[in-house]
Amino acid sequence: MSTKTRVAILGATGYTAVEAIQLLLRHPHVEVTAVTSREPGRRLTQVHPALTGRLDLVFEEYTTPEKLAEKADVVFGCLPHGASASVIPGLLNAGCKVIDFSADYRLNDPAVFARWYGSESHDPTRLGHVPYGLPELFRPSIVGAQLVANPGCYPQTVVLPLAPLLKAGLIEPTSIIADAKSGVSGAGRNPKLNNLYPECNESISAYGVGTHRHTPEIDQVLSIMGGTATEVIFTPHLTPMDRGILTTTYSVPTRQVTQAELYECVREFYKNEPFIHVVDDLPATKHVAHTNFCNMALRVVRGRVMTIAAIDNLIKGASGSAVQNMNIIRGFPETTALL
């Protein structure tokens, strides 16, 4: 009898799902046992040809949590926002550990969730009680958790470099500006007009100005880290590349600071984190493509504090973080399948 952890992928047709599967196929302690879709019956390799010869599964319909729990110890929930919270309670009751890729459990306040996502939470009593799955900041709460809210991709590039500075009181918690640029895969696999090749190639455009749903997630996490209410003006941009996020933030220091002091603060904070690289040269998305690393640099320019961070939006921004969280939950070495 296999002693491997059995993993099911709920909603396995998208980009983050196939990235998660490819990482899990490298994991010595894991077996991918089930994949679900709203269009069951197709072979996994028909949708994800990159898996040909590597995993021979057929998409099945999600029927009951008990049926899926017969095949899985851990479930990666790759369902859309709103759909996840309608099925996850049943999976938890059936004994599964769940890592949710959606935003359904990231926000602590049901009213904030409803305001930004346009509908009430399907599982409001759990909001505020689910660990936020950013191990570099919240590892103790993830250990042994039954449900983890995988973090958003954009928020990581804002939160990771700013958290140490806010915690140390080196920057003001308000008037923070975050300018972020993402590859087209961040919008998912379903075709949308703005993401078609003729629309986005040879062009860069802002979107969700003042309304992007990652804004309250960023504010919430930074407020926790800084111990006071934090406000960020967050503007995402669509960039004509497949994958990657590069984010530059601008903050006001609480006193005169040097670049060396900023580096000392952030390097000390992340000195034991295997996936954080605090670099001297400016990061680029190609430096972290297909990895679970976050590369970040800091600058002081005309009295302002700047951070520049790069991640792969599909790995560190989603599937890599999910595997990292699963490793913590199951007691595996945290870097397994990720280095």
Foldseek 3Di string as FASTA:
>chain_A
DQQAFEEEEEAQLKDLNVLLVVLQLQFPRYDHFAYAHPDWDAWPCVRVVVCVPPDTYTHDHDDFLLVVLVRGQEYEYPDEPQVCQVHVVRVVVNNHAYEYQYCLALAQQQVLCCVQVVHGRPCNVCHNVAAALPCLVGVVSLAQDRYYYDDAQVLCFVCLLCLLCLLVQFFDQEPKEKEKEWELCSVMDPDDPCSDCVNAPPDKAKPCQVRDSCQVSNQVNSCVSNVHGHHYRYIYMYHHDHWKMKMKMKTATPDQDAQVVSLVRSCVSCVPPPQEAEDDDADDQVVAPSALHKYKYWDQDPRIIMMIIMHTCSQVRGSVSSQLSVCSHVVHPSCRSHD
